[in-house]
C-alpha cells in the first residue's frame, strides 16, 4: 500500500501549516525569557499527544537544554542553536510581510503604467484630431 504524503508547501506559505505557526510562537516565547527564565509545560500543553516527544526531539537537536530535578517537572531553555532558529523564524515572518507588500506594489505599478499610457494616448488623440476637449471641460465649469 502506498504511503500518503502531505502536499508540498511553498516557502512563502509556511503560515498555512498550523504546527509550524504554533511552534514558531513557542520558540519566540522561549526567546523572550532568555537567558533568565526556564520554562516547563509549554510544548506539552500545546502538543498534548506528542509534547514529551517534541521536547525530546528539540533536546536531541540541541535547540533546548533540559534541566531535570527530582520532584519537579522537566524545565528547559534555549541553546545558542535554538536562539538562531528563533531569530530565523522572526526573519521569515518579516520576509513574508515584505513579499506580500511587494505583490501589492507590483499591482500598483502596473495600474500606474496603464493609466500613464491611457493619458498619453488621450493627449495624442487630442493633439492630432484638434478636438476642443479642453473647451468642453471648461464649458461644464
N, C-alpha and C. Protein backbone atom coordinates (compact mmCIF):
# COMPACT_ATOMS: atom_id res chain seq x y z
N UNK A 1 0.84 -1.17 0.00
CA UNK A 1 0.00 0.00 0.00
C UNK A 1 0.89 1.24 0.00
N UNK A 2 0.55 2.21 -0.82
CA UNK A 2 1.34 3.43 -0.94
C UNK A 2 1.14 4.33 0.28
N UNK A 3 2.21 4.94 0.68
CA UNK A 3 2.15 5.85 1.83
C UNK A 3 1.66 7.21 1.35
N UNK A 4 0.67 7.76 2.07
CA UNK A 4 0.15 9.06 1.69
C UNK A 4 1.11 10.14 2.18
N UNK A 5 1.35 11.12 1.34
CA UNK A 5 2.23 12.22 1.72
C UNK A 5 1.43 13.52 1.72
N UNK A 6 1.91 14.45 2.48
CA UNK A 6 1.28 15.76 2.54
C UNK A 6 1.70 16.56 1.31
N UNK A 7 0.86 17.47 0.84
CA UNK A 7 1.24 18.29 -0.31
C UNK A 7 2.40 19.21 0.06
N UNK A 8 3.16 19.60 -0.96
CA UNK A 8 4.28 20.50 -0.75
C UNK A 8 3.76 21.88 -0.41
N UNK A 9 4.47 22.56 0.45
CA UNK A 9 4.10 23.91 0.83
C UNK A 9 5.21 24.84 0.34
N UNK A 10 4.82 25.88 -0.37
CA UNK A 10 5.80 26.84 -0.86
C UNK A 10 6.39 27.60 0.32
N UNK A 11 7.58 28.13 0.13
CA UNK A 11 8.27 28.82 1.21
C UNK A 11 7.53 30.02 1.75
N UNK A 12 6.77 30.70 0.92
CA UNK A 12 6.06 31.88 1.38
C UNK A 12 4.68 31.54 1.94
N UNK A 13 4.35 30.25 2.04
CA UNK A 13 3.06 29.83 2.59
C UNK A 13 3.23 29.02 3.87
N UNK A 14 4.30 29.26 4.61
CA UNK A 14 4.54 28.45 5.80
C UNK A 14 3.53 28.72 6.90
N UNK A 15 2.87 29.85 6.89
CA UNK A 15 1.87 30.13 7.92
C UNK A 15 0.60 29.30 7.73
N UNK A 16 0.48 28.59 6.61
CA UNK A 16 -0.68 27.73 6.43
C UNK A 16 -0.52 26.42 7.20
N UNK A 17 0.69 26.11 7.62
CA UNK A 17 0.94 24.90 8.41
C UNK A 17 0.74 25.29 9.88
N UNK A 18 -0.31 24.79 10.49
CA UNK A 18 -0.62 25.23 11.85
C UNK A 18 0.44 24.79 12.85
N UNK A 19 1.03 23.62 12.67
CA UNK A 19 2.06 23.16 13.59
C UNK A 19 3.26 24.10 13.57
N UNK A 20 3.64 24.54 12.39
CA UNK A 20 4.78 25.44 12.26
C UNK A 20 4.47 26.78 12.92
N UNK A 21 3.27 27.28 12.70
CA UNK A 21 2.88 28.57 13.29
C UNK A 21 2.89 28.49 14.81
N UNK A 22 2.38 27.40 15.38
CA UNK A 22 2.37 27.22 16.83
C UNK A 22 3.79 27.06 17.36
N UNK A 23 4.59 26.27 16.67
CA UNK A 23 5.98 26.06 17.09
C UNK A 23 6.76 27.38 17.06
N UNK A 24 6.51 28.19 16.02
CA UNK A 24 7.18 29.48 15.93
C UNK A 24 6.81 30.36 17.12
N UNK A 25 5.55 30.36 17.50
CA UNK A 25 5.13 31.15 18.65
C UNK A 25 5.77 30.68 19.94
N UNK A 26 5.87 29.36 20.11
CA UNK A 26 6.50 28.82 21.32
C UNK A 26 7.99 29.16 21.39
N UNK A 27 8.67 29.06 20.26
CA UNK A 27 10.10 29.37 20.25
C UNK A 27 10.33 30.86 20.53
N UNK A 28 9.47 31.71 20.03
CA UNK A 28 9.60 33.14 20.31
C UNK A 28 9.31 33.44 21.78
N UNK A 29 8.38 32.70 22.38
CA UNK A 29 8.14 32.85 23.82
C UNK A 29 9.38 32.45 24.61
N UNK A 30 10.03 31.37 24.21
CA UNK A 30 11.25 30.95 24.90
C UNK A 30 12.35 32.00 24.73
N UNK A 31 12.39 32.63 23.56
CA UNK A 31 13.41 33.65 23.30
C UNK A 31 13.17 34.88 24.17
N UNK A 32 11.91 35.21 24.42
CA UNK A 32 11.61 36.41 25.22
C UNK A 32 12.15 36.28 26.65
N UNK A 33 12.20 35.08 27.17
CA UNK A 33 12.67 34.89 28.53
C UNK A 33 14.13 34.52 28.65
N UNK A 34 14.83 34.45 27.53
CA UNK A 34 16.23 34.03 27.56
C UNK A 34 17.07 35.16 28.12
N UNK A 35 18.06 34.94 28.89
CA UNK A 35 18.62 33.73 29.48
C UNK A 35 18.12 33.49 30.90
N UNK A 36 17.25 34.36 31.41
CA UNK A 36 16.91 34.32 32.82
C UNK A 36 15.92 33.23 33.19
N UNK A 37 14.97 32.95 32.30
CA UNK A 37 13.87 32.05 32.68
C UNK A 37 14.06 30.65 32.12
N UNK A 38 13.57 29.68 32.90
CA UNK A 38 13.43 28.31 32.43
C UNK A 38 11.94 28.01 32.37
N UNK A 39 11.53 27.30 31.36
CA UNK A 39 10.11 27.03 31.16
C UNK A 39 9.81 25.56 31.36
N UNK A 40 8.57 25.26 31.65
CA UNK A 40 8.12 23.87 31.69
C UNK A 40 6.68 23.82 31.22
N UNK A 41 6.34 22.76 30.55
CA UNK A 41 4.96 22.51 30.15
C UNK A 41 4.47 23.25 28.93
N UNK A 42 5.29 24.10 28.32
CA UNK A 42 4.81 24.84 27.14
C UNK A 42 4.52 23.90 25.98
N UNK A 43 5.51 23.11 25.60
CA UNK A 43 5.32 22.19 24.47
C UNK A 43 4.32 21.09 24.82
N UNK A 44 4.36 20.64 26.08
CA UNK A 44 3.47 19.57 26.49
C UNK A 44 2.01 20.00 26.49
N UNK A 45 1.75 21.28 26.82
CA UNK A 45 0.36 21.75 26.84
C UNK A 45 -0.17 22.04 25.45
N UNK A 46 0.68 22.47 24.55
CA UNK A 46 0.22 22.78 23.18
C UNK A 46 0.10 21.51 22.35
N UNK A 47 1.14 20.70 22.36
CA UNK A 47 1.12 19.44 21.63
C UNK A 47 0.74 18.34 22.65
N UNK A 48 -0.53 18.21 22.92
CA UNK A 48 -0.98 17.35 24.02
C UNK A 48 -0.61 15.89 23.82
N UNK A 49 -0.71 15.39 22.61
CA UNK A 49 -0.43 13.97 22.36
C UNK A 49 1.06 13.68 22.26
N UNK A 50 1.81 14.63 21.72
CA UNK A 50 3.22 14.36 21.44
C UNK A 50 4.16 15.33 22.14
N UNK A 51 3.71 15.99 23.18
CA UNK A 51 4.52 17.03 23.84
C UNK A 51 5.84 16.53 24.36
N UNK A 52 5.84 15.38 25.03
CA UNK A 52 7.11 14.84 25.56
C UNK A 52 8.06 14.47 24.43
N UNK A 53 7.51 13.94 23.36
CA UNK A 53 8.34 13.57 22.21
C UNK A 53 8.92 14.81 21.54
N UNK A 54 8.14 15.89 21.48
CA UNK A 54 8.63 17.15 20.89
C UNK A 54 9.79 17.68 21.71
N UNK A 55 9.66 17.67 23.02
CA UNK A 55 10.74 18.14 23.90
C UNK A 55 11.98 17.27 23.72
N UNK A 56 11.77 15.97 23.61
CA UNK A 56 12.88 15.04 23.38
C UNK A 56 13.61 15.34 22.07
N UNK A 57 12.83 15.58 21.02
CA UNK A 57 13.42 15.87 19.70
C UNK A 57 14.20 17.18 19.75
N UNK A 58 13.61 18.21 20.37
CA UNK A 58 14.29 19.50 20.46
C UNK A 58 15.58 19.40 21.28
N UNK A 59 15.56 18.58 22.32
CA UNK A 59 16.76 18.36 23.11
C UNK A 59 17.81 17.61 22.30
N UNK A 60 17.37 16.62 21.56
CA UNK A 60 18.29 15.83 20.73
C UNK A 60 18.92 16.70 19.64
N UNK A 61 18.13 17.62 19.09
CA UNK A 61 18.64 18.53 18.06
C UNK A 61 19.41 19.70 18.64
N UNK A 62 19.52 19.73 19.97
CA UNK A 62 20.26 20.77 20.69
C UNK A 62 19.68 22.16 20.48
N UNK A 63 18.34 22.23 20.40
CA UNK A 63 17.67 23.52 20.34
C UNK A 63 17.27 24.01 21.73
N UNK A 64 17.05 23.06 22.63
CA UNK A 64 16.78 23.40 24.03
C UNK A 64 17.65 22.52 24.90
N UNK A 65 17.91 22.99 26.11
CA UNK A 65 18.61 22.15 27.08
C UNK A 65 17.67 21.88 28.25
N UNK A 66 17.69 20.65 28.72
CA UNK A 66 16.78 20.23 29.77
C UNK A 66 17.43 20.36 31.13
N UNK A 67 16.60 20.67 32.12
CA UNK A 67 17.05 20.74 33.50
C UNK A 67 16.10 19.87 34.31
N UNK A 68 16.59 18.67 34.68
CA UNK A 68 15.73 17.73 35.40
C UNK A 68 16.13 17.70 36.87
N UNK A 69 15.13 17.93 37.73
CA UNK A 69 15.34 17.84 39.17
C UNK A 69 14.24 16.95 39.74
N UNK A 70 14.59 16.22 40.77
CA UNK A 70 13.61 15.30 41.36
C UNK A 70 12.45 16.07 41.98
N UNK A 71 11.25 15.56 41.73
CA UNK A 71 10.06 16.16 42.30
C UNK A 71 9.56 17.39 41.55
N UNK A 72 10.26 17.82 40.53
CA UNK A 72 9.85 18.98 39.75
C UNK A 72 9.71 18.57 38.30
N UNK A 73 8.86 19.26 37.56
CA UNK A 73 8.73 18.92 36.14
C UNK A 73 10.01 19.27 35.38
N UNK A 74 10.16 18.65 34.23
CA UNK A 74 11.32 18.92 33.39
C UNK A 74 11.23 20.36 32.89
N UNK A 75 12.31 21.12 33.11
CA UNK A 75 12.34 22.51 32.66
C UNK A 75 13.34 22.62 31.52
N UNK A 76 13.13 23.60 30.67
CA UNK A 76 14.01 23.76 29.52
C UNK A 76 14.19 25.23 29.20
N UNK A 77 15.26 25.49 28.46
CA UNK A 77 15.56 26.83 27.97
C UNK A 77 16.30 26.71 26.65
N UNK A 78 16.38 27.79 25.93
CA UNK A 78 17.01 27.77 24.61
C UNK A 78 18.52 27.62 24.69
N UNK A 79 19.08 26.99 23.68
CA UNK A 79 20.52 26.93 23.49
C UNK A 79 20.87 27.94 22.40
N UNK A 80 22.16 28.16 22.13
CA UNK A 80 22.51 29.08 21.04
C UNK A 80 21.91 28.68 19.68
N UNK A 81 21.82 27.37 19.42
CA UNK A 81 21.21 26.93 18.16
C UNK A 81 19.71 27.24 18.16
N UNK A 82 19.07 27.14 19.32
CA UNK A 82 17.66 27.49 19.43
C UNK A 82 17.43 28.97 19.23
N UNK A 83 18.36 29.79 19.72
CA UNK A 83 18.26 31.24 19.52
C UNK A 83 18.37 31.55 18.04
N UNK A 84 19.31 30.90 17.36
CA UNK A 84 19.45 31.12 15.91
C UNK A 84 18.18 30.73 15.18
N UNK A 85 17.57 29.62 15.57
CA UNK A 85 16.33 29.19 14.93
C UNK A 85 15.21 30.20 15.18
N UNK A 86 15.09 30.69 16.41
CA UNK A 86 14.04 31.66 16.73
C UNK A 86 14.24 32.95 15.94
N UNK A 87 15.47 33.42 15.82
CA UNK A 87 15.75 34.63 15.05
C UNK A 87 15.47 34.40 13.57
N UNK A 88 15.78 33.22 13.08
CA UNK A 88 15.46 32.89 11.69
C UNK A 88 13.96 32.90 11.46
N UNK A 89 13.20 32.46 12.45
CA UNK A 89 11.75 32.49 12.32
C UNK A 89 11.22 33.92 12.30
N UNK A 90 11.83 34.80 13.07
CA UNK A 90 11.46 36.21 13.03
C UNK A 90 11.75 36.78 11.65
N UNK A 91 12.93 36.47 11.11
CA UNK A 91 13.29 36.95 9.77
C UNK A 91 12.35 36.39 8.71
N UNK A 92 11.92 35.13 8.88
CA UNK A 92 10.98 34.54 7.94
C UNK A 92 9.66 35.29 7.96
N UNK A 93 9.20 35.65 9.14
CA UNK A 93 7.94 36.39 9.26
C UNK A 93 8.04 37.75 8.56
N UNK A 94 9.17 38.45 8.76
CA UNK A 94 9.34 39.74 8.10
C UNK A 94 9.43 39.59 6.60
N UNK A 95 10.12 38.55 6.14
CA UNK A 95 10.23 38.37 4.68
C UNK A 95 8.88 38.02 4.07
N UNK A 96 8.02 37.31 4.81
CA UNK A 96 6.67 37.03 4.30
C UNK A 96 5.88 38.32 4.16
N UNK A 97 6.03 39.22 5.14
CA UNK A 97 5.35 40.52 5.05
C UNK A 97 5.86 41.32 3.86
N UNK A 98 7.18 41.35 3.67
CA UNK A 98 7.76 42.10 2.55
C UNK A 98 7.28 41.52 1.23
N UNK A 99 7.18 40.19 1.13
CA UNK A 99 6.70 39.57 -0.09
C UNK A 99 5.26 39.98 -0.38
N UNK A 100 4.44 40.04 0.66
CA UNK A 100 3.04 40.45 0.49
C UNK A 100 2.98 41.90 0.00
N UNK A 101 3.78 42.77 0.61
CA UNK A 101 3.78 44.17 0.20
C UNK A 101 4.32 44.34 -1.22
N UNK A 102 5.32 43.55 -1.59
CA UNK A 102 5.88 43.67 -2.93
C UNK A 102 4.88 43.22 -3.99
N UNK A 103 4.03 42.24 -3.66
CA UNK A 103 2.98 41.85 -4.60
C UNK A 103 1.99 42.98 -4.79
N UNK A 104 1.62 43.66 -3.69
CA UNK A 104 0.71 44.79 -3.79
C UNK A 104 1.34 45.95 -4.57
N UNK A 105 2.61 46.20 -4.35
CA UNK A 105 3.30 47.27 -5.07
C UNK A 105 3.41 46.96 -6.56
N UNK A 106 3.55 45.69 -6.90
CA UNK A 106 3.61 45.30 -8.31
C UNK A 106 2.29 45.63 -8.99
N UNK A 107 1.17 45.32 -8.32
CA UNK A 107 -0.14 45.64 -8.89
C UNK A 107 -0.30 47.15 -9.06
N UNK A 108 0.13 47.92 -8.05
CA UNK A 108 0.03 49.37 -8.13
C UNK A 108 0.88 49.91 -9.27
N UNK A 109 2.07 49.37 -9.45
CA UNK A 109 2.94 49.82 -10.53
C UNK A 109 2.31 49.54 -11.89
N UNK A 110 1.71 48.37 -12.05
CA UNK A 110 1.05 48.04 -13.32
C UNK A 110 -0.09 49.00 -13.58
N UNK A 111 -0.90 49.32 -12.55
CA UNK A 111 -2.00 50.27 -12.74
C UNK A 111 -1.49 51.67 -13.10
N UNK A 112 -0.41 52.10 -12.50
CA UNK A 112 0.15 53.41 -12.82
C UNK A 112 0.64 53.43 -14.26
N UNK A 113 1.27 52.37 -14.72
CA UNK A 113 1.75 52.31 -16.11
C UNK A 113 0.56 52.34 -17.08
N UNK A 114 -0.47 51.57 -16.78
CA UNK A 114 -1.65 51.54 -17.67
C UNK A 114 -2.31 52.92 -17.73
N UNK A 115 -2.48 53.57 -16.59
CA UNK A 115 -3.09 54.90 -16.58
C UNK A 115 -2.21 55.93 -17.29
N UNK A 116 -0.90 55.81 -17.18
CA UNK A 116 0.01 56.72 -17.88
C UNK A 116 -0.10 56.55 -19.38
N UNK A 117 -0.16 55.31 -19.84
CA UNK A 117 -0.30 55.05 -21.28
C UNK A 117 -1.63 55.58 -21.79
N UNK A 118 -2.70 55.36 -21.04
CA UNK A 118 -4.01 55.88 -21.45
C UNK A 118 -4.03 57.41 -21.49
N UNK A 119 -3.41 58.04 -20.53
CA UNK A 119 -3.34 59.51 -20.52
C UNK A 119 -2.53 60.02 -21.70
N UNK A 120 -1.41 59.35 -21.98
CA UNK A 120 -0.59 59.73 -23.13
C UNK A 120 -1.37 59.56 -24.43
N UNK A 121 -2.09 58.43 -24.55
CA UNK A 121 -2.91 58.21 -25.76
C UNK A 121 -4.02 59.24 -25.88
N UNK A 122 -4.65 59.59 -24.79
CA UNK A 122 -5.70 60.61 -24.79
C UNK A 122 -5.14 61.95 -25.24
N UNK A 123 -3.93 62.27 -24.81
CA UNK A 123 -3.27 63.52 -25.23
C UNK A 123 -2.93 63.51 -26.70
N UNK A 124 -2.46 62.35 -27.22
CA UNK A 124 -2.15 62.27 -28.65
C UNK A 124 -3.40 62.42 -29.50
N UNK A 125 -4.49 61.79 -29.07
CA UNK A 125 -5.75 61.91 -29.82
C UNK A 125 -6.19 63.37 -29.86
N UNK A 126 -6.09 64.06 -28.77
CA UNK A 126 -6.48 65.47 -28.73
C UNK A 126 -5.56 66.31 -29.60
N UNK A 127 -4.28 66.00 -29.60
CA UNK A 127 -3.31 66.77 -30.37
C UNK A 127 -3.52 66.60 -31.87
N UNK A 128 -3.72 65.35 -32.33
CA UNK A 128 -3.80 65.10 -33.76
C UNK A 128 -5.19 65.35 -34.35
N UNK A 129 -6.22 65.24 -33.56
CA UNK A 129 -7.56 65.45 -34.12
C UNK A 129 -8.05 66.87 -33.88
N UNK A 130 -7.28 67.64 -33.14
CA UNK A 130 -7.62 69.03 -32.84
C UNK A 130 -9.01 69.16 -32.24
N UNK A 131 -9.36 68.18 -31.40
CA UNK A 131 -10.64 68.24 -30.70
C UNK A 131 -10.55 69.26 -29.58
N UNK A 132 -11.54 70.06 -29.43
CA UNK A 132 -11.52 71.06 -28.36
C UNK A 132 -11.98 70.46 -27.02
N UNK A 133 -11.29 69.40 -26.58
CA UNK A 133 -11.70 68.70 -25.37
C UNK A 133 -11.56 69.60 -24.15
N UNK A 134 -10.51 70.42 -24.15
CA UNK A 134 -10.33 71.32 -23.03
C UNK A 134 -11.46 72.32 -22.96
N UNK A 135 -11.91 72.79 -24.12
CA UNK A 135 -13.04 73.72 -24.14
C UNK A 135 -14.31 73.07 -23.64
N UNK A 136 -14.48 71.77 -23.93
CA UNK A 136 -15.67 71.05 -23.47
C UNK A 136 -15.65 70.96 -21.95
N UNK A 137 -14.50 70.67 -21.38
CA UNK A 137 -14.40 70.61 -19.92
C UNK A 137 -14.64 71.98 -19.30
N UNK A 138 -14.14 73.04 -19.92
CA UNK A 138 -14.33 74.38 -19.39
C UNK A 138 -15.80 74.82 -19.51
N UNK A 139 -16.52 74.27 -20.47
CA UNK A 139 -17.92 74.64 -20.66
C UNK A 139 -18.76 74.18 -19.46
N UNK A 140 -18.44 73.01 -18.91
CA UNK A 140 -19.20 72.47 -17.79
C UNK A 140 -18.78 73.03 -16.44
N UNK A 141 -17.92 73.94 -16.44
CA UNK A 141 -17.40 74.55 -15.22
C UNK A 141 -18.35 75.42 -14.54
